[in-house]
Amino acid sequence: MTNLETETAQKRSPLVTIGIAVVGLTLLGAIGIFALKALRPYAFHGVVLQSPRPAQDFTLINQYGQSSTLSDYQGKAVLLYFGYVTCPDVCPTTLAELKKATDLLGAQSDDVQIMMITVDPERDTVEILAEYLAHFDPSFLGLVGTPDEIAQIATNYGIFFQKQETDSVLGYLVDHTATVMLIDQNGYLRLIFPYGTQGDAIAEDILYVLDH
């Protein structure tokens, strides 16, 4: 090596050292950020029940005229909703978001069951429920029962509903709690999604619950 080459190499050495140090610090920073994210608790979109309890079991008739029992679906995550067919806005909006959530889950949607219990058992027959839910997803279960059965199940889940007389051709609407409840694969009530929760947020929470 000539004197010129030696001198050039000596001049470059500090720059090379600084460059290596910068790369090293960048890598350490990236690893640190990844570690923090990995250690940070998952932030649920739904409201977490701090003391999950077993979901109250029930048996109703689905839109295919068959008996459906909640505990039959243990092993799947169940999204339970109380609504009705002639609901003008809240119910179709909620069901559309649930459909979006199951679409985003892809193959894992097989591990999820959507259930809607009618709060209008006087009008919502199995045939009407079948036609209505087919517009969203045929896999969604619509459940009917006697008014007393529906009232008891709603009470068990803290759901309020009440007829409101109107001047419309429908005669009445039904005011009702518009939340969606997530029951995990072990049969425990884990999360409550307020009305307006987006489908992608619901899907993220479902995935976390299924994996944990």
C-alpha atoms as a PDB file:
ATOM      1  CA  MET A   1       0.000   0.000   0.000  1.00  0.00           C
ATOM      2  CA  THR A   2       1.346   3.402  -0.926  1.00  0.00           C
ATOM      3  CA  ASN A   3       1.554   6.283   1.484  1.00  0.00           C
ATOM      4  CA  LEU A   4      -1.380   7.903  -0.312  1.00  0.00           C
ATOM      5  CA  GLU A   5      -3.523   4.782   0.053  1.00  0.00           C
ATOM      6  CA  THR A   6      -2.572   4.446   3.716  1.00  0.00           C
ATOM      7  CA  GLU A   7      -3.451   8.065   4.362  1.00  0.00           C
ATOM      8  CA  THR A   8      -6.786   7.679   2.551  1.00  0.00           C
ATOM      9  CA  ALA A   9      -7.640   4.541   4.526  1.00  0.00           C
ATOM     10  CA  GLN A  10      -6.813   6.308   7.792  1.00  0.00           C
ATOM     11  CA  LYS A  11      -9.112   9.172   6.827  1.00  0.00           C
ATOM     12  CA  ARG A  12     -11.920   6.766   5.979  1.00  0.00           C
ATOM     13  CA  SER A  13     -11.614   4.701   9.166  1.00  0.00           C
ATOM     14  CA  PRO A  14     -13.427   7.159  11.477  1.00  0.00           C
ATOM     15  CA  LEU A  15     -16.219   7.565   8.898  1.00  0.00           C
ATOM     16  CA  VAL A  16     -16.594   3.794   8.601  1.00  0.00           C
ATOM     17  CA  THR A  17     -16.663   3.455  12.375  1.00  0.00           C
ATOM     18  CA  ILE A  18     -19.319   6.144  12.703  1.00  0.00           C
ATOM     19  CA  GLY A  19     -21.370   4.506   9.930  1.00  0.00           C
ATOM     20  CA  ILE A  20     -21.249   1.131  11.652  1.00  0.00           C
ATOM     21  CA  ALA A  21     -22.229   2.733  14.943  1.00  0.00           C
ATOM     22  CA  VAL A  22     -25.199   4.495  13.332  1.00  0.00           C
ATOM     23  CA  VAL A  23     -26.397   1.256  11.711  1.00  0.00           C
ATOM     24  CA  GLY A  24     -26.008  -0.564  15.002  1.00  0.00           C
ATOM     25  CA  LEU A  25     -27.974   2.027  16.915  1.00  0.00           C
ATOM     26  CA  THR A  26     -30.702   1.982  14.273  1.00  0.00           C
ATOM     27  CA  LEU A  27     -31.000  -1.794  14.535  1.00  0.00           C
ATOM     28  CA  LEU A  28     -31.080  -1.647  18.322  1.00  0.00           C
ATOM     29  CA  GLY A  29     -33.778   1.005  18.155  1.00  0.00           C
ATOM     30  CA  ALA A  30     -35.858  -1.092  15.787  1.00  0.00           C
ATOM     31  CA  ILE A  31     -35.475  -4.147  18.022  1.00  0.00           C
ATOM     32  CA  GLY A  32     -36.444  -2.063  21.043  1.00  0.00           C
ATOM     33  CA  ILE A  33     -39.598  -0.746  19.350  1.00  0.00           C
ATOM     34  CA  PHE A  34     -40.565  -4.272  18.274  1.00  0.00           C
ATOM     35  CA  ALA A  35     -40.003  -5.572  21.805  1.00  0.00           C
ATOM     36  CA  LEU A  36     -42.136  -2.806  23.307  1.00  0.00           C
ATOM     37  CA  LYS A  37     -44.957  -3.549  20.880  1.00  0.00           C
ATOM     38  CA  ALA A  38     -44.708  -7.255  21.663  1.00  0.00           C
ATOM     39  CA  LEU A  39     -44.849  -6.624  25.409  1.00  0.00           C
ATOM     40  CA  ARG A  40     -47.598  -3.987  25.259  1.00  0.00           C
ATOM     41  CA  PRO A  41     -51.022  -5.420  26.223  1.00  0.00           C
ATOM     42  CA  TYR A  42     -53.527  -5.756  23.399  1.00  0.00           C
ATOM     43  CA  ALA A  43     -55.948  -2.811  23.294  1.00  0.00           C
ATOM     44  CA  PHE A  44     -59.482  -4.095  22.736  1.00  0.00           C
ATOM     45  CA  HIS A  45     -61.969  -2.102  20.684  1.00  0.00           C
ATOM     46  CA  GLY A  46     -64.916  -3.558  22.585  1.00  0.00           C
ATOM     47  CA  VAL A  47     -65.649  -3.043  26.260  1.00  0.00           C
ATOM     48  CA  VAL A  48     -63.842  -5.727  28.262  1.00  0.00           C
ATOM     49  CA  LEU A  49     -65.683  -7.508  31.063  1.00  0.00           C
ATOM     50  CA  GLN A  50     -63.109  -7.538  33.854  1.00  0.00           C
ATOM     51  CA  SER A  51     -64.640 -10.669  35.386  1.00  0.00           C
ATOM     52  CA  PRO A  52     -65.783 -12.846  32.466  1.00  0.00           C
ATOM     53  CA  ARG A  53     -68.695 -15.080  33.418  1.00  0.00           C
ATOM     54  CA  PRO A  54     -70.226 -18.110  31.723  1.00  0.00           C
ATOM     55  CA  ALA A  55     -72.855 -16.990  29.223  1.00  0.00           C
ATOM     56  CA  GLN A  56     -76.376 -17.953  30.254  1.00  0.00           C
ATOM     57  CA  ASP A  57     -77.477 -20.881  28.109  1.00  0.00           C
ATOM     58  CA  PHE A  58     -80.727 -20.779  26.140  1.00  0.00           C
ATOM     59  CA  THR A  59     -82.625 -22.718  23.504  1.00  0.00           C
ATOM     60  CA  LEU A  60     -84.708 -21.056  20.759  1.00  0.00           C
ATOM     61  CA  ILE A  61     -85.922 -21.844  17.251  1.00  0.00           C
ATOM     62  CA  ASN A  62     -83.785 -20.698  14.325  1.00  0.00           C
ATOM     63  CA  GLN A  63     -84.947 -19.429  10.941  1.00  0.00           C
ATOM     64  CA  TYR A  64     -84.800 -22.965   9.553  1.00  0.00           C
ATOM     65  CA  GLY A  65     -87.345 -24.187  12.113  1.00  0.00           C
ATOM     66  CA  GLN A  66     -84.710 -26.083  14.083  1.00  0.00           C
ATOM     67  CA  SER A  67     -83.896 -25.924  17.772  1.00  0.00           C
ATOM     68  CA  SER A  68     -80.667 -24.015  18.517  1.00  0.00           C
ATOM     69  CA  THR A  69     -78.950 -24.020  21.901  1.00  0.00           C
ATOM     70  CA  LEU A  70     -76.167 -21.574  22.695  1.00  0.00           C
ATOM     71  CA  SER A  71     -73.953 -24.229  24.279  1.00  0.00           C
ATOM     72  CA  ASP A  72     -74.073 -26.234  21.022  1.00  0.00           C
ATOM     73  CA  TYR A  73     -71.699 -23.598  19.627  1.00  0.00           C
ATOM     74  CA  GLN A  74     -69.069 -23.897  22.341  1.00  0.00           C
ATOM     75  CA  GLY A  75     -65.732 -24.081  20.558  1.00  0.00           C
ATOM     76  CA  LYS A  76     -66.675 -21.080  18.440  1.00  0.00           C
ATOM     77  CA  ALA A  77     -66.768 -17.387  19.237  1.00  0.00           C
ATOM     78  CA  VAL A  78     -70.409 -16.286  19.278  1.00  0.00           C
ATOM     79  CA  LEU A  79     -71.509 -12.736  18.522  1.00  0.00           C
ATOM     80  CA  LEU A  80     -74.918 -12.291  20.121  1.00  0.00           C
ATOM     81  CA  TYR A  81     -77.243  -9.468  19.094  1.00  0.00           C
ATOM     82  CA  PHE A  82     -80.845  -8.591  19.952  1.00  0.00           C
ATOM     83  CA  GLY A  83     -82.741  -6.909  17.111  1.00  0.00           C
ATOM     84  CA  TYR A  84     -85.715  -7.237  14.780  1.00  0.00           C
ATOM     85  CA  VAL A  85     -86.560  -7.285  11.089  1.00  0.00           C
ATOM     86  CA  THR A  86     -88.477  -4.007  10.726  1.00  0.00           C
ATOM     87  CA  CYS A  87     -85.849  -2.039  12.666  1.00  0.00           C
ATOM     88  CA  PRO A  88     -85.299   0.975  10.392  1.00  0.00           C
ATOM     89  CA  ASP A  89     -81.616   1.726  10.925  1.00  0.00           C
ATOM     90  CA  VAL A  90     -79.731   0.350  13.932  1.00  0.00           C
ATOM     91  CA  CYS A  91     -80.208  -3.341  13.164  1.00  0.00           C
ATOM     92  CA  PRO A  92     -79.301  -3.321   9.460  1.00  0.00           C
ATOM     93  CA  THR A  93     -76.285  -1.129  10.202  1.00  0.00           C
ATOM     94  CA  THR A  94     -75.095  -3.508  12.927  1.00  0.00           C
ATOM     95  CA  LEU A  95     -75.634  -6.624  10.831  1.00  0.00           C
ATOM     96  CA  ALA A  96     -73.747  -5.034   7.937  1.00  0.00           C
ATOM     97  CA  GLU A  97     -70.747  -4.417  10.233  1.00  0.00           C
ATOM     98  CA  LEU A  98     -70.915  -8.007  11.493  1.00  0.00           C
ATOM     99  CA  LYS A  99     -70.934  -9.200   7.888  1.00  0.00           C
ATOM    100  CA  LYS A 100     -67.883  -7.022   7.214  1.00  0.00           C
ATOM    101  CA  ALA A 101     -66.143  -8.533  10.238  1.00  0.00           C
ATOM    102  CA  THR A 102     -66.751 -12.112   9.107  1.00  0.00           C
ATOM    103  CA  ASP A 103     -65.572 -11.276   5.585  1.00  0.00           C
ATOM    104  CA  LEU A 104     -62.333  -9.867   7.002  1.00  0.00           C
ATOM    105  CA  LEU A 105     -61.806 -13.022   9.070  1.00  0.00           C
ATOM    106  CA  GLY A 106     -61.659 -15.124   5.925  1.00  0.00           C
ATOM    107  CA  ALA A 107     -61.267 -18.827   6.690  1.00  0.00           C
ATOM    108  CA  GLN A 108     -61.375 -18.121  10.430  1.00  0.00           C
ATOM    109  CA  SER A 109     -64.989 -17.025  10.085  1.00  0.00           C
ATOM    110  CA  ASP A 110     -65.736 -20.758  10.348  1.00  0.00           C
ATOM    111  CA  ASP A 111     -64.807 -20.373  14.040  1.00  0.00           C
ATOM    112  CA  VAL A 112     -67.448 -17.662  14.559  1.00  0.00           C
ATOM    113  CA  GLN A 113     -71.230 -17.781  14.813  1.00  0.00           C
ATOM    114  CA  ILE A 114     -73.443 -14.695  14.530  1.00  0.00           C
ATOM    115  CA  MET A 115     -76.788 -14.910  16.367  1.00  0.00           C
ATOM    116  CA  MET A 116     -79.641 -12.411  16.343  1.00  0.00           C
ATOM    117  CA  ILE A 117     -82.456 -12.953  18.837  1.00  0.00           C
ATOM    118  CA  THR A 118     -85.596 -11.105  17.776  1.00  0.00           C
ATOM    119  CA  VAL A 119     -87.099  -8.588  20.188  1.00  0.00           C
ATOM    120  CA  ASP A 120     -90.272  -8.591  18.067  1.00  0.00           C
ATOM    121  CA  PRO A 121     -91.452 -12.200  18.351  1.00  0.00           C
ATOM    122  CA  GLU A 122     -95.015 -11.225  17.431  1.00  0.00           C
ATOM    123  CA  ARG A 123     -94.008 -10.305  13.864  1.00  0.00           C
ATOM    124  CA  ASP A 124     -90.685 -12.017  13.241  1.00  0.00           C
ATOM    125  CA  THR A 125     -91.593 -15.522  12.106  1.00  0.00           C
ATOM    126  CA  VAL A 126     -88.920 -18.007  11.078  1.00  0.00           C
ATOM    127  CA  GLU A 127     -89.771 -17.381   7.422  1.00  0.00           C
ATOM    128  CA  ILE A 128     -89.417 -13.609   7.787  1.00  0.00           C
ATOM    129  CA  LEU A 129     -86.112 -13.986   9.655  1.00  0.00           C
ATOM    130  CA  ALA A 130     -84.762 -16.365   6.998  1.00  0.00           C
ATOM    131  CA  GLU A 131     -85.528 -13.923   4.186  1.00  0.00           C
ATOM    132  CA  TYR A 132     -84.131 -10.955   6.121  1.00  0.00           C
ATOM    133  CA  LEU A 133     -80.842 -12.518   7.234  1.00  0.00           C
ATOM    134  CA  ALA A 134     -80.200 -13.946   3.778  1.00  0.00           C
ATOM    135  CA  HIS A 135     -79.580 -10.361   2.641  1.00  0.00           C
ATOM    136  CA  PHE A 136     -76.594 -10.227   5.017  1.00  0.00           C
ATOM    137  CA  ASP A 137     -75.255 -13.787   5.309  1.00  0.00           C
ATOM    138  CA  PRO A 138     -77.123 -17.126   5.281  1.00  0.00           C
ATOM    139  CA  SER A 139     -74.810 -18.354   8.059  1.00  0.00           C
ATOM    140  CA  PHE A 140     -76.230 -15.774  10.486  1.00  0.00           C
ATOM    141  CA  LEU A 141     -78.713 -17.410  12.850  1.00  0.00           C
ATOM    142  CA  GLY A 142     -82.011 -15.686  13.568  1.00  0.00           C
ATOM    143  CA  LEU A 143     -83.694 -16.942  16.726  1.00  0.00           C
ATOM    144  CA  VAL A 144     -87.345 -16.752  17.774  1.00  0.00           C
ATOM    145  CA  GLY A 145     -89.326 -17.833  20.820  1.00  0.00           C
ATOM    146  CA  THR A 146     -92.343 -16.883  22.856  1.00  0.00           C
ATOM    147  CA  PRO A 147     -92.494 -13.334  24.233  1.00  0.00           C
ATOM    148  CA  ASP A 148     -91.839 -14.705  27.725  1.00  0.00           C
ATOM    149  CA  GLU A 149     -88.814 -16.701  26.559  1.00  0.00           C
ATOM    150  CA  ILE A 150     -87.338 -13.701  24.761  1.00  0.00           C
ATOM    151  CA  ALA A 151     -87.969 -11.429  27.756  1.00  0.00           C
ATOM    152  CA  GLN A 152     -86.231 -13.849  30.124  1.00  0.00           C
ATOM    153  CA  ILE A 153     -83.164 -14.274  27.909  1.00  0.00           C
ATOM    154  CA  ALA A 154     -82.936 -10.512  27.361  1.00  0.00           C
ATOM    155  CA  THR A 155     -83.065  -9.966  31.134  1.00  0.00           C
ATOM    156  CA  ASN A 156     -80.292 -12.525  31.669  1.00  0.00           C
ATOM    157  CA  TYR A 157     -78.072 -10.565  29.273  1.00  0.00           C
ATOM    158  CA  GLY A 158     -78.992  -7.101  30.536  1.00  0.00           C
ATOM    159  CA  ILE A 159     -80.867  -6.204  27.346  1.00  0.00           C
ATOM    160  CA  PHE A 160     -83.736  -3.713  27.441  1.00  0.00           C
ATOM    161  CA  PHE A 161     -86.488  -3.611  24.814  1.00  0.00           C
ATOM    162  CA  GLN A 162     -89.912  -2.030  24.671  1.00  0.00           C
ATOM    163  CA  LYS A 163     -92.602  -1.391  22.087  1.00  0.00           C
ATOM    164  CA  GLN A 164     -93.158   2.195  21.011  1.00  0.00           C
ATOM    165  CA  GLU A 165     -96.429   2.944  19.252  1.00  0.00           C
ATOM    166  CA  THR A 166     -96.040   5.015  16.064  1.00  0.00           C
ATOM    167  CA  ASP A 167     -98.262   6.567  13.405  1.00  0.00           C
ATOM    168  CA  SER A 168     -96.491   4.599  10.673  1.00  0.00           C
ATOM    169  CA  VAL A 169     -97.994   1.685   8.778  1.00  0.00           C
ATOM    170  CA  LEU A 170     -95.930  -0.617  10.993  1.00  0.00           C
ATOM    171  CA  GLY A 171     -97.990   0.366  14.011  1.00  0.00           C
ATOM    172  CA  TYR A 172     -95.050   0.171  16.390  1.00  0.00           C
ATOM    173  CA  LEU A 173     -91.268   0.092  16.590  1.00  0.00           C
ATOM    174  CA  VAL A 174     -89.163  -1.553  19.292  1.00  0.00           C
ATOM    175  CA  ASP A 175     -86.661   0.413  21.329  1.00  0.00           C
ATOM    176  CA  HIS A 176     -83.835  -1.917  22.316  1.00  0.00           C
ATOM    177  CA  THR A 177     -80.274  -2.107  23.543  1.00  0.00           C
ATOM    178  CA  ALA A 178     -78.086  -2.099  20.441  1.00  0.00           C
ATOM    179  CA  THR A 179     -74.883  -3.674  21.724  1.00  0.00           C
ATOM    180  CA  VAL A 180     -73.245  -6.847  20.392  1.00  0.00           C
ATOM    181  CA  MET A 181     -71.847  -9.345  22.903  1.00  0.00           C
ATOM    182  CA  LEU A 182     -68.879 -11.591  22.239  1.00  0.00           C
ATOM    183  CA  ILE A 183     -68.944 -15.006  23.901  1.00  0.00           C
ATOM    184  CA  ASP A 184     -65.598 -16.780  23.624  1.00  0.00           C
ATOM    185  CA  GLN A 185     -64.994 -20.357  22.485  1.00  0.00           C
ATOM    186  CA  ASN A 186     -65.111 -21.554  26.106  1.00  0.00           C
ATOM    187  CA  GLY A 187     -68.572 -20.105  26.641  1.00  0.00           C
ATOM    188  CA  TYR A 188     -67.578 -16.994  28.593  1.00  0.00           C
ATOM    189  CA  LEU A 189     -69.013 -13.538  27.966  1.00  0.00           C
ATOM    190  CA  ARG A 190     -65.878 -11.494  27.229  1.00  0.00           C
ATOM    191  CA  LEU A 191     -66.644  -8.279  25.321  1.00  0.00           C
ATOM    192  CA  ILE A 192     -69.437  -5.852  24.558  1.00  0.00           C
ATOM    193  CA  PHE A 193     -69.332  -3.856  21.331  1.00  0.00           C
ATOM    194  CA  PRO A 194     -71.259  -0.555  21.516  1.00  0.00           C
ATOM    195  CA  TYR A 195     -73.458   0.414  18.598  1.00  0.00           C
ATOM    196  CA  GLY A 196     -71.333   1.907  15.848  1.00  0.00           C
ATOM    197  CA  THR A 197     -68.265  -0.299  16.363  1.00  0.00           C
ATOM    198  CA  GLN A 198     -66.766  -0.886  12.922  1.00  0.00           C
ATOM    199  CA  GLY A 199     -66.439  -4.332  11.388  1.00  0.00           C
ATOM    200  CA  ASP A 200     -62.649  -4.207  11.135  1.00  0.00           C
ATOM    201  CA  ALA A 201     -62.378  -3.418  14.859  1.00  0.00           C
ATOM    202  CA  ILE A 202     -64.728  -6.295  15.691  1.00  0.00           C
ATOM    203  CA  ALA A 203     -62.679  -8.644  13.509  1.00  0.00           C
ATOM    204  CA  GLU A 204     -59.431  -7.689  15.267  1.00  0.00           C
ATOM    205  CA  ASP A 205     -60.934  -8.409  18.690  1.00  0.00           C
ATOM    206  CA  ILE A 206     -62.360 -11.719  17.513  1.00  0.00           C
ATOM    207  CA  LEU A 207     -58.963 -12.820  16.207  1.00  0.00           C
ATOM    208  CA  TYR A 208     -57.309 -11.956  19.508  1.00  0.00           C
ATOM    209  CA  VAL A 209     -59.926 -13.848  21.519  1.00  0.00           C
ATOM    210  CA  LEU A 210     -59.667 -16.902  19.241  1.00  0.00           C
ATOM    211  CA  ASP A 211     -55.866 -16.942  19.613  1.00  0.00           C
ATOM    212  CA  HIS A 212     -55.877 -16.448  23.385  1.00  0.00           C
END
